[in-house]
Amino acid sequence: MLRSLKKLFTDDCPECNQSLEYSSNHLYYTKSCPNGHFSEETYPHLGVSIIYKN
């Protein structure tokens, strides 16, 4: 039960299904795959998300 609840709040890479790593600074948030398959930059003050797929 707890494992399925945790899956609701974690993001996985669409290629390899590994958990994404998060980082942030005062301008944007970044989610990226540890294997380099996927990354997403979110700029909340602009309302923009940029997704990179390799």
PDB file of N, CA and C in Angstrom:
ATOM      1  N   MET A   1       0.818  -1.193   0.000  1.00  0.00           N
ATOM      2  CA  MET A   1       0.000   0.000   0.000  1.00  0.00           C
ATOM      3  C   MET A   1       0.864   1.260   0.000  1.00  0.00           C
ATOM      4  N   LEU A   2       1.872   1.280   0.874  1.00  0.00           N
ATOM      5  CA  LEU A   2       2.739   2.445   0.963  1.00  0.00           C
ATOM      6  C   LEU A   2       3.539   2.638  -0.317  1.00  0.00           C
ATOM      7  N   ARG A   3       3.958   1.559  -0.941  1.00  0.00           N
ATOM      8  CA  ARG A   3       4.722   1.635  -2.190  1.00  0.00           C
ATOM      9  C   ARG A   3       3.879   2.244  -3.312  1.00  0.00           C
ATOM     10  N   SER A   4       2.618   1.848  -3.414  1.00  0.00           N
ATOM     11  CA  SER A   4       1.750   2.401  -4.456  1.00  0.00           C
ATOM     12  C   SER A   4       1.430   3.870  -4.185  1.00  0.00           C
ATOM     13  N   LEU A   5       1.339   4.259  -2.929  1.00  0.00           N
ATOM     14  CA  LEU A   5       1.115   5.660  -2.579  1.00  0.00           C
ATOM     15  C   LEU A   5       2.334   6.507  -2.928  1.00  0.00           C
ATOM     16  N   LYS A   6       3.526   5.972  -2.703  1.00  0.00           N
ATOM     17  CA  LYS A   6       4.762   6.689  -3.029  1.00  0.00           C
ATOM     18  C   LYS A   6       4.879   6.923  -4.531  1.00  0.00           C
ATOM     19  N   LYS A   7       4.415   5.984  -5.356  1.00  0.00           N
ATOM     20  CA  LYS A   7       4.479   6.115  -6.815  1.00  0.00           C
ATOM     21  C   LYS A   7       3.667   7.313  -7.319  1.00  0.00           C
ATOM     22  N   LEU A   8       2.655   7.732  -6.568  1.00  0.00           N
ATOM     23  CA  LEU A   8       1.853   8.883  -6.967  1.00  0.00           C
ATOM     24  C   LEU A   8       2.642  10.182  -6.899  1.00  0.00           C
ATOM     25  N   PHE A   9       3.672  10.234  -6.039  1.00  0.00           N
ATOM     26  CA  PHE A   9       4.409  11.462  -5.798  1.00  0.00           C
ATOM     27  C   PHE A   9       5.829  11.458  -6.356  1.00  0.00           C
ATOM     28  N   THR A  10       6.235  10.400  -7.041  1.00  0.00           N
ATOM     29  CA  THR A  10       7.558  10.356  -7.653  1.00  0.00           C
ATOM     30  C   THR A  10       7.407  10.270  -9.162  1.00  0.00           C
ATOM     31  N   ASP A  11       8.356  10.857  -9.865  1.00  0.00           N
ATOM     32  CA  ASP A  11       8.366  10.809 -11.320  1.00  0.00           C
ATOM     33  C   ASP A  11       9.449   9.844 -11.775  1.00  0.00           C
ATOM     34  N   ASP A  12       9.149   9.105 -12.837  1.00  0.00           N
ATOM     35  CA  ASP A  12      10.094   8.145 -13.403  1.00  0.00           C
ATOM     36  C   ASP A  12      10.441   8.538 -14.830  1.00  0.00           C
ATOM     37  N   CYS A  13      11.617   8.123 -15.260  1.00  0.00           N
ATOM     38  CA  CYS A  13      12.059   8.343 -16.626  1.00  0.00           C
ATOM     39  C   CYS A  13      11.179   7.532 -17.574  1.00  0.00           C
ATOM     40  N   PRO A  14      10.690   8.132 -18.679  1.00  0.00           N
ATOM     41  CA  PRO A  14       9.872   7.363 -19.618  1.00  0.00           C
ATOM     42  C   PRO A  14      10.651   6.284 -20.368  1.00  0.00           C
ATOM     43  N   GLU A  15      11.982   6.381 -20.430  1.00  0.00           N
ATOM     44  CA  GLU A  15      12.803   5.394 -21.138  1.00  0.00           C
ATOM     45  C   GLU A  15      13.175   4.204 -20.257  1.00  0.00           C
ATOM     46  N   CYS A  16      13.745   4.482 -19.072  1.00  0.00           N
ATOM     47  CA  CYS A  16      14.298   3.398 -18.251  1.00  0.00           C
ATOM     48  C   CYS A  16      13.567   3.194 -16.920  1.00  0.00           C
ATOM     49  N   ASN A  17      12.561   3.984 -16.622  1.00  0.00           N
ATOM     50  CA  ASN A  17      11.735   3.884 -15.421  1.00  0.00           C
ATOM     51  C   ASN A  17      12.506   4.071 -14.111  1.00  0.00           C
ATOM     52  N   GLN A  18      13.643   4.750 -14.147  1.00  0.00           N
ATOM     53  CA  GLN A  18      14.366   5.089 -12.922  1.00  0.00           C
ATOM     54  C   GLN A  18      13.813   6.395 -12.366  1.00  0.00           C
ATOM     55  N   SER A  19      13.947   6.601 -11.067  1.00  0.00           N
ATOM     56  CA  SER A  19      13.469   7.831 -10.450  1.00  0.00           C
ATOM     57  C   SER A  19      14.282   9.020 -10.939  1.00  0.00           C
ATOM     58  N   LEU A  20      13.595  10.129 -11.195  1.00  0.00           N
ATOM     59  CA  LEU A  20      14.250  11.333 -11.668  1.00  0.00           C
ATOM     60  C   LEU A  20      14.894  12.079 -10.514  1.00  0.00           C
ATOM     61  N   GLU A  21      16.001  12.755 -10.809  1.00  0.00           N
ATOM     62  CA  GLU A  21      16.710  13.556  -9.814  1.00  0.00           C
ATOM     63  C   GLU A  21      16.243  15.005  -9.941  1.00  0.00           C
ATOM     64  N   TYR A  22      16.049  15.671  -8.815  1.00  0.00           N
ATOM     65  CA  TYR A  22      15.557  17.035  -8.797  1.00  0.00           C
ATOM     66  C   TYR A  22      16.646  18.000  -8.363  1.00  0.00           C
ATOM     67  N   SER A  23      16.634  19.189  -8.949  1.00  0.00           N
ATOM     68  CA  SER A  23      17.500  20.279  -8.498  1.00  0.00           C
ATOM     69  C   SER A  23      16.772  21.588  -8.794  1.00  0.00           C
ATOM     70  N   SER A  24      17.162  22.647  -8.090  1.00  0.00           N
ATOM     71  CA  SER A  24      16.501  23.929  -8.313  1.00  0.00           C
ATOM     72  C   SER A  24      17.430  25.074  -7.942  1.00  0.00           C
ATOM     73  N   ASN A  25      17.123  26.226  -8.488  1.00  0.00           N
ATOM     74  CA  ASN A  25      17.737  27.470  -8.069  1.00  0.00           C
ATOM     75  C   ASN A  25      16.622  28.510  -8.039  1.00  0.00           C
ATOM     76  N   HIS A  26      16.937  29.763  -7.948  1.00  0.00           N
ATOM     77  CA  HIS A  26      15.889  30.771  -7.816  1.00  0.00           C
ATOM     78  C   HIS A  26      15.142  31.051  -9.121  1.00  0.00           C
ATOM     79  N   LEU A  27      15.615  30.540 -10.258  1.00  0.00           N
ATOM     80  CA  LEU A  27      14.956  30.789 -11.536  1.00  0.00           C
ATOM     81  C   LEU A  27      14.153  29.609 -12.067  1.00  0.00           C
ATOM     82  N   TYR A  28      14.641  28.386 -11.845  1.00  0.00           N
ATOM     83  CA  TYR A  28      13.957  27.234 -12.428  1.00  0.00           C
ATOM     84  C   TYR A  28      14.194  25.969 -11.623  1.00  0.00           C
ATOM     85  N   TYR A  29      13.365  24.955 -11.906  1.00  0.00           N
ATOM     86  CA  TYR A  29      13.475  23.620 -11.321  1.00  0.00           C
ATOM     87  C   TYR A  29      13.851  22.650 -12.428  1.00  0.00           C
ATOM     88  N   THR A  30      14.668  21.654 -12.099  1.00  0.00           N
ATOM     89  CA  THR A  30      15.096  20.668 -13.085  1.00  0.00           C
ATOM     90  C   THR A  30      14.821  19.262 -12.560  1.00  0.00           C
ATOM     91  N   LYS A  31      14.238  18.421 -13.420  1.00  0.00           N
ATOM     92  CA  LYS A  31      14.091  16.994 -13.173  1.00  0.00           C
ATOM     93  C   LYS A  31      14.864  16.305 -14.278  1.00  0.00           C
ATOM     94  N   SER A  32      15.737  15.353 -13.924  1.00  0.00           N
ATOM     95  CA  SER A  32      16.515  14.679 -14.963  1.00  0.00           C
ATOM     96  C   SER A  32      16.753  13.216 -14.613  1.00  0.00           C
ATOM     97  N   CYS A  33      16.898  12.426 -15.656  1.00  0.00           N
ATOM     98  CA  CYS A  33      17.196  11.005 -15.520  1.00  0.00           C
ATOM     99  C   CYS A  33      18.674  10.849 -15.183  1.00  0.00           C
ATOM    100  N   PRO A  34      19.026   9.976 -14.245  1.00  0.00           N
ATOM    101  CA  PRO A  34      20.438   9.766 -13.933  1.00  0.00           C
ATOM    102  C   PRO A  34      21.223   9.163 -15.098  1.00  0.00           C
ATOM    103  N   ASN A  35      20.544   8.527 -16.053  1.00  0.00           N
ATOM    104  CA  ASN A  35      21.203   7.941 -17.219  1.00  0.00           C
ATOM    105  C   ASN A  35      21.230   8.881 -18.418  1.00  0.00           C
ATOM    106  N   GLY A  36      20.660  10.080 -18.300  1.00  0.00           N
ATOM    107  CA  GLY A  36      20.707  11.067 -19.358  1.00  0.00           C
ATOM    108  C   GLY A  36      19.650  10.915 -20.448  1.00  0.00           C
ATOM    109  N   HIS A  37      18.593  10.133 -20.218  1.00  0.00           N
ATOM    110  CA  HIS A  37      17.563   9.937 -21.235  1.00  0.00           C
ATOM    111  C   HIS A  37      16.579  11.102 -21.328  1.00  0.00           C
ATOM    112  N   PHE A  38      16.355  11.798 -20.230  1.00  0.00           N
ATOM    113  CA  PHE A  38      15.251  12.743 -20.143  1.00  0.00           C
ATOM    114  C   PHE A  38      15.605  13.850 -19.160  1.00  0.00           C
ATOM    115  N   SER A  39      15.221  15.076 -19.473  1.00  0.00           N
ATOM    116  CA  SER A  39      15.316  16.161 -18.498  1.00  0.00           C
ATOM    117  C   SER A  39      14.202  17.162 -18.774  1.00  0.00           C
ATOM    118  N   GLU A  40      13.768  17.835 -17.723  1.00  0.00           N
ATOM    119  CA  GLU A  40      12.697  18.814 -17.828  1.00  0.00           C
ATOM    120  C   GLU A  40      13.059  20.023 -16.984  1.00  0.00           C
ATOM    121  N   GLU A  41      12.983  21.205 -17.581  1.00  0.00           N
ATOM    122  CA  GLU A  41      13.208  22.459 -16.879  1.00  0.00           C
ATOM    123  C   GLU A  41      11.861  23.164 -16.750  1.00  0.00           C
ATOM    124  N   THR A  42      11.537  23.639 -15.551  1.00  0.00           N
ATOM    125  CA  THR A  42      10.288  24.347 -15.319  1.00  0.00           C
ATOM    126  C   THR A  42      10.599  25.733 -14.794  1.00  0.00           C
ATOM    127  N   TYR A  43      10.049  26.731 -15.460  1.00  0.00           N
ATOM    128  CA  TYR A  43      10.194  28.134 -15.070  1.00  0.00           C
ATOM    129  C   TYR A  43       8.842  28.599 -14.533  1.00  0.00           C
ATOM    130  N   PRO A  44       8.627  28.531 -13.205  1.00  0.00           N
ATOM    131  CA  PRO A  44       7.298  28.815 -12.657  1.00  0.00           C
ATOM    132  C   PRO A  44       6.840  30.261 -12.859  1.00  0.00           C
ATOM    133  N   HIS A  45       7.747  31.217 -12.850  1.00  0.00           N
ATOM    134  CA  HIS A  45       7.348  32.609 -13.024  1.00  0.00           C
ATOM    135  C   HIS A  45       6.900  32.905 -14.454  1.00  0.00           C
ATOM    136  N   LEU A  46       7.309  32.072 -15.416  1.00  0.00           N
ATOM    137  CA  LEU A  46       6.879  32.216 -16.801  1.00  0.00           C
ATOM    138  C   LEU A  46       5.747  31.258 -17.168  1.00  0.00           C
ATOM    139  N   GLY A  47       5.556  30.218 -16.345  1.00  0.00           N
ATOM    140  CA  GLY A  47       4.555  29.207 -16.653  1.00  0.00           C
ATOM    141  C   GLY A  47       4.969  28.323 -17.811  1.00  0.00           C
ATOM    142  N   VAL A  48       6.283  28.050 -17.924  1.00  0.00           N
ATOM    143  CA  VAL A  48       6.826  27.300 -19.058  1.00  0.00           C
ATOM    144  C   VAL A  48       7.583  26.069 -18.554  1.00  0.00           C
ATOM    145  N   SER A  49       7.399  24.960 -19.254  1.00  0.00           N
ATOM    146  CA  SER A  49       8.185  23.742 -19.018  1.00  0.00           C
ATOM    147  C   SER A  49       8.841  23.346 -20.333  1.00  0.00           C
ATOM    148  N   ILE A  50      10.130  23.035 -20.279  1.00  0.00           N
ATOM    149  CA  ILE A  50      10.891  22.603 -21.458  1.00  0.00           C
ATOM    150  C   ILE A  50      11.346  21.175 -21.198  1.00  0.00           C
ATOM    151  N   ILE A  51      10.997  20.271 -22.114  1.00  0.00           N
ATOM    152  CA  ILE A  51      11.332  18.856 -21.965  1.00  0.00           C
ATOM    153  C   ILE A  51      12.362  18.480 -23.023  1.00  0.00           C
ATOM    154  N   TYR A  52      13.451  17.839 -22.578  1.00  0.00           N
ATOM    155  CA  TYR A  52      14.499  17.352 -23.465  1.00  0.00           C
ATOM    156  C   TYR A  52      14.505  15.824 -23.409  1.00  0.00           C
ATOM    157  N   LYS A  53      14.462  15.190 -24.576  1.00  0.00           N
ATOM    158  CA  LYS A  53      14.582  13.734 -24.656  1.00  0.00           C
ATOM    159  C   LYS A  53      15.759  13.404 -25.533  1.00  0.00           C
ATOM    160  N   ASN A  54      16.615  12.484 -25.107  1.00  0.00           N
ATOM    161  CA  ASN A  54      17.783  12.078 -25.893  1.00  0.00           C
ATOM    162  C   ASN A  54      17.511  10.812 -26.630  1.00  0.00           C
TER     163      ASN A  54
END
